[in-house]
């Protein structure tokens, strides 16, 4: 993509990040949390992610689909970090819009097997997280059970390798964070720790790392 295109993508990414931050802030307040996030750093992050997404996918349907995934991940990270809850509507909208977009993208490039892979990734991840939620007795919350399959759906469009690495990265990052909190005395083994942000970070990082 041209330099002008990347600048435009960065600007759009910043504006989307700004809007998602404001939406997240409203959700956080509605859940009785008083946390406030600075908008400017998040807009800068949105600009970087927008430019990176445009550079990776070009002006294609994939650009819009994965841009949607990143926007969802950003909003959910802010909400979950503050409230330990994930907004159901944000996850569901990303799934209902992103799924058809990815399907159209697969048809457009004549690689329809990607549709089966992304749906298989969704179902397999859903089952896996349902089992984890049952075993952990709520340690994996219902919001995580909804979020992980949607992230896997997006990553599955790219490859099974993206799914494995994206989800594994989330577990590794979440484990490191939990261990750090326990070691520093800021949490105990029974403390509830937000897992959604690490799933989101792992998934988004995997888009550009592979």
C-alpha atoms as a PDB file:
ATOM      1  CA  UNK A   1       0.000   0.000   0.000  1.00  0.00           C
ATOM      2  CA  UNK A   2       1.198   3.538  -0.784  1.00  0.00           C
ATOM      3  CA  UNK A   3       2.410   5.953   1.875  1.00  0.00           C
ATOM      4  CA  UNK A   4      -0.765   8.013   1.484  1.00  0.00           C
ATOM      5  CA  UNK A   5      -2.844   4.894   1.987  1.00  0.00           C
ATOM      6  CA  UNK A   6      -0.950   4.002   5.155  1.00  0.00           C
ATOM      7  CA  UNK A   7      -1.391   7.517   6.521  1.00  0.00           C
ATOM      8  CA  UNK A   8      -5.113   7.327   5.802  1.00  0.00           C
ATOM      9  CA  UNK A   9      -5.317   3.913   7.463  1.00  0.00           C
ATOM     10  CA  UNK A  10      -3.456   5.244  10.495  1.00  0.00           C
ATOM     11  CA  UNK A  11      -5.875   8.192  10.751  1.00  0.00           C
ATOM     12  CA  UNK A  12      -8.901   5.913  10.489  1.00  0.00           C
ATOM     13  CA  UNK A  13      -7.365   3.565  13.041  1.00  0.00           C
ATOM     14  CA  UNK A  14      -6.872   6.456  15.453  1.00  0.00           C
ATOM     15  CA  UNK A  15     -10.482   7.619  15.022  1.00  0.00           C
ATOM     16  CA  UNK A  16     -11.822   4.099  15.539  1.00  0.00           C
ATOM     17  CA  UNK A  17      -9.647   3.705  18.636  1.00  0.00           C
ATOM     18  CA  UNK A  18     -11.018   7.022  19.949  1.00  0.00           C
ATOM     19  CA  UNK A  19     -14.595   5.923  19.397  1.00  0.00           C
ATOM     20  CA  UNK A  20     -14.016   2.484  20.909  1.00  0.00           C
ATOM     21  CA  UNK A  21     -12.334   4.042  23.943  1.00  0.00           C
ATOM     22  CA  UNK A  22     -15.344   6.254  24.538  1.00  0.00           C
ATOM     23  CA  UNK A  23     -17.693   3.282  24.172  1.00  0.00           C
ATOM     24  CA  UNK A  24     -15.569   1.262  26.551  1.00  0.00           C
ATOM     25  CA  UNK A  25     -15.593   4.143  29.025  1.00  0.00           C
ATOM     26  CA  UNK A  26     -19.396   4.239  28.971  1.00  0.00           C
ATOM     27  CA  UNK A  27     -19.551   0.489  29.506  1.00  0.00           C
ATOM     28  CA  UNK A  28     -17.043   0.693  32.368  1.00  0.00           C
ATOM     29  CA  UNK A  29     -19.066   3.415  34.081  1.00  0.00           C
ATOM     30  CA  UNK A  30     -22.299   1.484  33.603  1.00  0.00           C
ATOM     31  CA  UNK A  31     -20.666  -1.426  35.456  1.00  0.00           C
ATOM     32  CA  UNK A  32     -19.943   0.856  38.419  1.00  0.00           C
ATOM     33  CA  UNK A  33     -16.232   1.306  37.786  1.00  0.00           C
ATOM     34  CA  UNK A  34     -14.685   4.771  37.987  1.00  0.00           C
ATOM     35  CA  UNK A  35     -11.586   3.958  35.929  1.00  0.00           C
ATOM     36  CA  UNK A  36     -10.699   6.478  33.229  1.00  0.00           C
ATOM     37  CA  UNK A  37      -8.335   5.868  30.307  1.00  0.00           C
ATOM     38  CA  UNK A  38      -6.277   8.572  28.555  1.00  0.00           C
ATOM     39  CA  UNK A  39      -7.526   8.830  24.989  1.00  0.00           C
ATOM     40  CA  UNK A  40      -4.368  10.033  23.229  1.00  0.00           C
ATOM     41  CA  UNK A  41      -2.120   6.978  23.812  1.00  0.00           C
ATOM     42  CA  UNK A  42      -4.927   4.665  22.729  1.00  0.00           C
ATOM     43  CA  UNK A  43      -5.469   6.726  19.581  1.00  0.00           C
ATOM     44  CA  UNK A  44      -1.748   6.421  18.817  1.00  0.00           C
ATOM     45  CA  UNK A  45      -1.999   2.672  19.301  1.00  0.00           C
ATOM     46  CA  UNK A  46      -5.035   2.624  17.014  1.00  0.00           C
ATOM     47  CA  UNK A  47      -3.092   4.558  14.375  1.00  0.00           C
ATOM     48  CA  UNK A  48      -0.215   2.079  14.513  1.00  0.00           C
ATOM     49  CA  UNK A  49      -2.549  -0.898  14.311  1.00  0.00           C
ATOM     50  CA  UNK A  50      -4.519   0.696  11.481  1.00  0.00           C
ATOM     51  CA  UNK A  51      -1.372   1.276   9.450  1.00  0.00           C
ATOM     52  CA  UNK A  52      -0.059  -2.220  10.208  1.00  0.00           C
ATOM     53  CA  UNK A  53      -3.361  -3.816   9.187  1.00  0.00           C
ATOM     54  CA  UNK A  54      -3.487  -1.858   5.930  1.00  0.00           C
ATOM     55  CA  UNK A  55       0.129  -2.735   5.193  1.00  0.00           C
ATOM     56  CA  UNK A  56      -0.574  -6.432   5.832  1.00  0.00           C
ATOM     57  CA  UNK A  57      -3.861  -6.844   3.977  1.00  0.00           C
ATOM     58  CA  UNK A  58      -4.022  -3.938   1.542  1.00  0.00           C
ATOM     59  CA  UNK A  59      -7.361  -2.446   0.491  1.00  0.00           C
ATOM     60  CA  UNK A  60      -9.316  -5.711   0.676  1.00  0.00           C
ATOM     61  CA  UNK A  61     -12.252  -7.207   2.537  1.00  0.00           C
ATOM     62  CA  UNK A  62      -9.715  -8.711   4.912  1.00  0.00           C
ATOM     63  CA  UNK A  63      -8.685  -5.188   5.916  1.00  0.00           C
ATOM     64  CA  UNK A  64     -12.207  -4.396   7.105  1.00  0.00           C
ATOM     65  CA  UNK A  65     -12.704  -7.784   8.766  1.00  0.00           C
ATOM     66  CA  UNK A  66      -9.470  -7.754  10.745  1.00  0.00           C
ATOM     67  CA  UNK A  67      -9.877  -4.064  11.468  1.00  0.00           C
ATOM     68  CA  UNK A  68     -13.163  -5.026  13.112  1.00  0.00           C
ATOM     69  CA  UNK A  69     -11.419  -7.741  15.116  1.00  0.00           C
ATOM     70  CA  UNK A  70      -8.791  -5.288  16.346  1.00  0.00           C
ATOM     71  CA  UNK A  71     -11.420  -2.698  17.271  1.00  0.00           C
ATOM     72  CA  UNK A  72     -13.317  -5.323  19.255  1.00  0.00           C
ATOM     73  CA  UNK A  73     -10.122  -6.466  20.965  1.00  0.00           C
ATOM     74  CA  UNK A  74      -9.240  -2.910  21.950  1.00  0.00           C
ATOM     75  CA  UNK A  75     -12.651  -2.166  23.440  1.00  0.00           C
ATOM     76  CA  UNK A  76     -12.913  -5.469  25.270  1.00  0.00           C
ATOM     77  CA  UNK A  77      -9.404  -5.115  26.687  1.00  0.00           C
ATOM     78  CA  UNK A  78     -10.292  -1.779  28.276  1.00  0.00           C
ATOM     79  CA  UNK A  79     -13.606  -3.034  29.652  1.00  0.00           C
ATOM     80  CA  UNK A  80     -12.292  -6.329  31.023  1.00  0.00           C
ATOM     81  CA  UNK A  81      -9.190  -4.772  32.560  1.00  0.00           C
ATOM     82  CA  UNK A  82     -11.354  -2.413  34.623  1.00  0.00           C
ATOM     83  CA  UNK A  83     -14.401  -4.525  35.387  1.00  0.00           C
ATOM     84  CA  UNK A  84     -13.381  -8.192  34.901  1.00  0.00           C
ATOM     85  CA  UNK A  85     -16.336  -8.474  32.575  1.00  0.00           C
ATOM     86  CA  UNK A  86     -16.633  -8.608  28.793  1.00  0.00           C
ATOM     87  CA  UNK A  87     -19.396  -6.834  26.894  1.00  0.00           C
ATOM     88  CA  UNK A  88     -21.482  -9.535  25.203  1.00  0.00           C
ATOM     89  CA  UNK A  89     -22.809  -7.214  22.502  1.00  0.00           C
ATOM     90  CA  UNK A  90     -19.316  -6.171  21.388  1.00  0.00           C
ATOM     91  CA  UNK A  91     -18.247  -9.781  20.912  1.00  0.00           C
ATOM     92  CA  UNK A  92     -21.454 -10.820  19.173  1.00  0.00           C
ATOM     93  CA  UNK A  93     -21.420  -7.887  16.734  1.00  0.00           C
ATOM     94  CA  UNK A  94     -17.858  -8.700  15.737  1.00  0.00           C
ATOM     95  CA  UNK A  95     -18.857 -12.308  15.109  1.00  0.00           C
ATOM     96  CA  UNK A  96     -22.019 -11.492  13.152  1.00  0.00           C
ATOM     97  CA  UNK A  97     -20.329  -8.894  10.940  1.00  0.00           C
ATOM     98  CA  UNK A  98     -16.842 -10.366  10.760  1.00  0.00           C
ATOM     99  CA  UNK A  99     -17.954 -13.887   9.849  1.00  0.00           C
ATOM    100  CA  UNK A 100     -19.775 -12.883   6.655  1.00  0.00           C
ATOM    101  CA  UNK A 101     -16.988 -10.452   5.729  1.00  0.00           C
ATOM    102  CA  UNK A 102     -14.396 -13.204   5.997  1.00  0.00           C
ATOM    103  CA  UNK A 103     -16.605 -15.594   4.041  1.00  0.00           C
ATOM    104  CA  UNK A 104     -16.946 -13.038   1.234  1.00  0.00           C
ATOM    105  CA  UNK A 105     -13.196 -12.442   1.336  1.00  0.00           C
ATOM    106  CA  UNK A 106     -12.546 -16.170   0.946  1.00  0.00           C
ATOM    107  CA  UNK A 107     -14.937 -16.365  -1.998  1.00  0.00           C
ATOM    108  CA  UNK A 108     -13.377 -13.267  -3.551  1.00  0.00           C
ATOM    109  CA  UNK A 109      -9.899 -14.825  -3.590  1.00  0.00           C
ATOM    110  CA  UNK A 110     -11.304 -18.253  -4.538  1.00  0.00           C
ATOM    111  CA  UNK A 111     -10.140 -19.962  -1.345  1.00  0.00           C
ATOM    112  CA  UNK A 112     -13.420 -21.181   0.097  1.00  0.00           C
ATOM    113  CA  UNK A 113     -11.684 -23.794   2.267  1.00  0.00           C
ATOM    114  CA  UNK A 114     -10.847 -20.889   4.570  1.00  0.00           C
ATOM    115  CA  UNK A 115     -14.550 -20.696   5.482  1.00  0.00           C
ATOM    116  CA  UNK A 116     -14.566 -24.269   6.760  1.00  0.00           C
ATOM    117  CA  UNK A 117     -11.340 -23.699   8.664  1.00  0.00           C
ATOM    118  CA  UNK A 118     -12.560 -20.585  10.423  1.00  0.00           C
ATOM    119  CA  UNK A 119     -15.836 -22.246  11.413  1.00  0.00           C
ATOM    120  CA  UNK A 120     -14.007 -25.350  12.637  1.00  0.00           C
ATOM    121  CA  UNK A 121     -11.704 -23.110  14.673  1.00  0.00           C
ATOM    122  CA  UNK A 122     -14.750 -21.383  16.180  1.00  0.00           C
ATOM    123  CA  UNK A 123     -16.431 -24.647  17.189  1.00  0.00           C
ATOM    124  CA  UNK A 124     -13.257 -26.322  18.478  1.00  0.00           C
ATOM    125  CA  UNK A 125     -12.326 -23.284  20.573  1.00  0.00           C
ATOM    126  CA  UNK A 126     -15.853 -22.962  21.938  1.00  0.00           C
ATOM    127  CA  UNK A 127     -15.847 -26.588  23.096  1.00  0.00           C
ATOM    128  CA  UNK A 128     -12.351 -26.232  24.559  1.00  0.00           C
ATOM    129  CA  UNK A 129     -13.269 -23.135  26.559  1.00  0.00           C
ATOM    130  CA  UNK A 130     -16.549 -24.629  27.760  1.00  0.00           C
ATOM    131  CA  UNK A 131     -14.571 -27.555  29.151  1.00  0.00           C
ATOM    132  CA  UNK A 132     -12.019 -25.180  30.711  1.00  0.00           C
ATOM    133  CA  UNK A 133     -14.804 -23.133  32.277  1.00  0.00           C
ATOM    134  CA  UNK A 134     -16.351 -26.272  33.772  1.00  0.00           C
ATOM    135  CA  UNK A 135     -13.036 -27.592  35.095  1.00  0.00           C
ATOM    136  CA  UNK A 136     -11.971 -24.227  36.507  1.00  0.00           C
ATOM    137  CA  UNK A 137     -15.389 -23.756  38.170  1.00  0.00           C
ATOM    138  CA  UNK A 138     -15.800 -20.255  36.793  1.00  0.00           C
ATOM    139  CA  UNK A 139     -12.129 -19.334  36.608  1.00  0.00           C
ATOM    140  CA  UNK A 140     -12.734 -18.977  32.890  1.00  0.00           C
ATOM    141  CA  UNK A 141     -15.792 -16.749  32.712  1.00  0.00           C
ATOM    142  CA  UNK A 142     -18.667 -16.804  30.265  1.00  0.00           C
ATOM    143  CA  UNK A 143     -17.292 -13.676  28.590  1.00  0.00           C
ATOM    144  CA  UNK A 144     -14.032 -15.497  27.859  1.00  0.00           C
ATOM    145  CA  UNK A 145     -16.014 -18.475  26.547  1.00  0.00           C
ATOM    146  CA  UNK A 146     -17.715 -16.162  24.045  1.00  0.00           C
ATOM    147  CA  UNK A 147     -14.650 -14.099  23.155  1.00  0.00           C
ATOM    148  CA  UNK A 148     -12.108 -16.858  22.484  1.00  0.00           C
ATOM    149  CA  UNK A 149     -14.096 -18.634  19.708  1.00  0.00           C
ATOM    150  CA  UNK A 150     -14.683 -15.337  17.911  1.00  0.00           C
ATOM    151  CA  UNK A 151     -10.978 -14.532  17.991  1.00  0.00           C
ATOM    152  CA  UNK A 152     -10.271 -18.087  16.805  1.00  0.00           C
ATOM    153  CA  UNK A 153     -12.718 -17.590  13.933  1.00  0.00           C
ATOM    154  CA  UNK A 154     -10.772 -14.578  12.688  1.00  0.00           C
ATOM    155  CA  UNK A 155      -7.409 -16.281  13.156  1.00  0.00           C
ATOM    156  CA  UNK A 156      -8.706 -19.486  11.600  1.00  0.00           C
ATOM    157  CA  UNK A 157      -9.345 -17.647   8.355  1.00  0.00           C
ATOM    158  CA  UNK A 158      -5.576 -17.231   8.143  1.00  0.00           C
ATOM    159  CA  UNK A 159      -4.497 -20.708   9.310  1.00  0.00           C
ATOM    160  CA  UNK A 160      -4.668 -23.214  12.137  1.00  0.00           C
ATOM    161  CA  UNK A 161      -1.172 -22.073  13.100  1.00  0.00           C
ATOM    162  CA  UNK A 162      -2.522 -18.595  13.783  1.00  0.00           C
ATOM    163  CA  UNK A 163      -5.207 -20.098  16.028  1.00  0.00           C
ATOM    164  CA  UNK A 164      -2.753 -22.187  18.049  1.00  0.00           C
ATOM    165  CA  UNK A 165      -0.202 -19.434  18.481  1.00  0.00           C
ATOM    166  CA  UNK A 166      -2.781 -16.706  19.103  1.00  0.00           C
ATOM    167  CA  UNK A 167      -4.585 -18.591  21.866  1.00  0.00           C
ATOM    168  CA  UNK A 168      -1.399 -20.036  23.352  1.00  0.00           C
ATOM    169  CA  UNK A 169       0.077 -16.528  23.520  1.00  0.00           C
ATOM    170  CA  UNK A 170      -2.964 -15.390  25.464  1.00  0.00           C
ATOM    171  CA  UNK A 171      -2.523 -18.171  28.018  1.00  0.00           C
ATOM    172  CA  UNK A 172       1.206 -17.505  28.343  1.00  0.00           C
ATOM    173  CA  UNK A 173       0.797 -13.745  28.765  1.00  0.00           C
ATOM    174  CA  UNK A 174      -2.069 -14.215  31.210  1.00  0.00           C
ATOM    175  CA  UNK A 175      -0.041 -16.724  33.212  1.00  0.00           C
ATOM    176  CA  UNK A 176       2.951 -14.397  33.400  1.00  0.00           C
ATOM    177  CA  UNK A 177       0.736 -11.526  34.547  1.00  0.00           C
ATOM    178  CA  UNK A 178      -0.997 -13.667  37.188  1.00  0.00           C
ATOM    179  CA  UNK A 179       2.343 -14.953  38.486  1.00  0.00           C
ATOM    180  CA  UNK A 180       3.717 -11.416  38.676  1.00  0.00           C
ATOM    181  CA  UNK A 181       0.693 -10.260  40.698  1.00  0.00           C
ATOM    182  CA  UNK A 182       1.001 -13.195  43.087  1.00  0.00           C
ATOM    183  CA  UNK A 183       4.766 -12.736  43.555  1.00  0.00           C
ATOM    184  CA  UNK A 184       4.349  -9.024  44.275  1.00  0.00           C
ATOM    185  CA  UNK A 185       1.506  -9.700  46.700  1.00  0.00           C
ATOM    186  CA  UNK A 186      -1.084  -7.844  44.636  1.00  0.00           C
ATOM    187  CA  UNK A 187      -3.148 -10.986  44.158  1.00  0.00           C
ATOM    188  CA  UNK A 188      -3.550 -14.460  45.625  1.00  0.00           C
ATOM    189  CA  UNK A 189      -4.203 -17.814  43.985  1.00  0.00           C
ATOM    190  CA  UNK A 190      -7.916 -17.297  44.581  1.00  0.00           C
ATOM    191  CA  UNK A 191      -7.998 -13.785  43.097  1.00  0.00           C
ATOM    192  CA  UNK A 192      -9.964 -13.239  39.924  1.00  0.00           C
ATOM    193  CA  UNK A 193      -7.758 -11.938  37.119  1.00  0.00           C
ATOM    194  CA  UNK A 194      -9.018 -10.545  33.815  1.00  0.00           C
ATOM    195  CA  UNK A 195      -8.106 -13.019  31.062  1.00  0.00           C
ATOM    196  CA  UNK A 196      -9.796 -11.329  28.110  1.00  0.00           C
ATOM    197  CA  UNK A 197      -7.105  -8.670  27.573  1.00  0.00           C
ATOM    198  CA  UNK A 198      -4.433 -11.332  27.143  1.00  0.00           C
ATOM    199  CA  UNK A 199      -6.529 -13.297  24.667  1.00  0.00           C
ATOM    200  CA  UNK A 200      -6.978 -10.079  22.699  1.00  0.00           C
ATOM    201  CA  UNK A 201      -3.307  -9.104  22.803  1.00  0.00           C
ATOM    202  CA  UNK A 202      -2.219 -12.599  21.794  1.00  0.00           C
ATOM    203  CA  UNK A 203      -4.643 -12.691  18.873  1.00  0.00           C
ATOM    204  CA  UNK A 204      -3.794  -9.221  17.555  1.00  0.00           C
ATOM    205  CA  UNK A 205      -0.030  -9.774  17.907  1.00  0.00           C
ATOM    206  CA  UNK A 206      -0.332 -13.034  15.969  1.00  0.00           C
ATOM    207  CA  UNK A 207      -1.859 -11.192  13.004  1.00  0.00           C
ATOM    208  CA  UNK A 208       1.407  -9.406  12.402  1.00  0.00           C
ATOM    209  CA  UNK A 209       3.940 -11.855  13.826  1.00  0.00           C
ATOM    210  CA  UNK A 210       3.341 -14.723  11.378  1.00  0.00           C
END
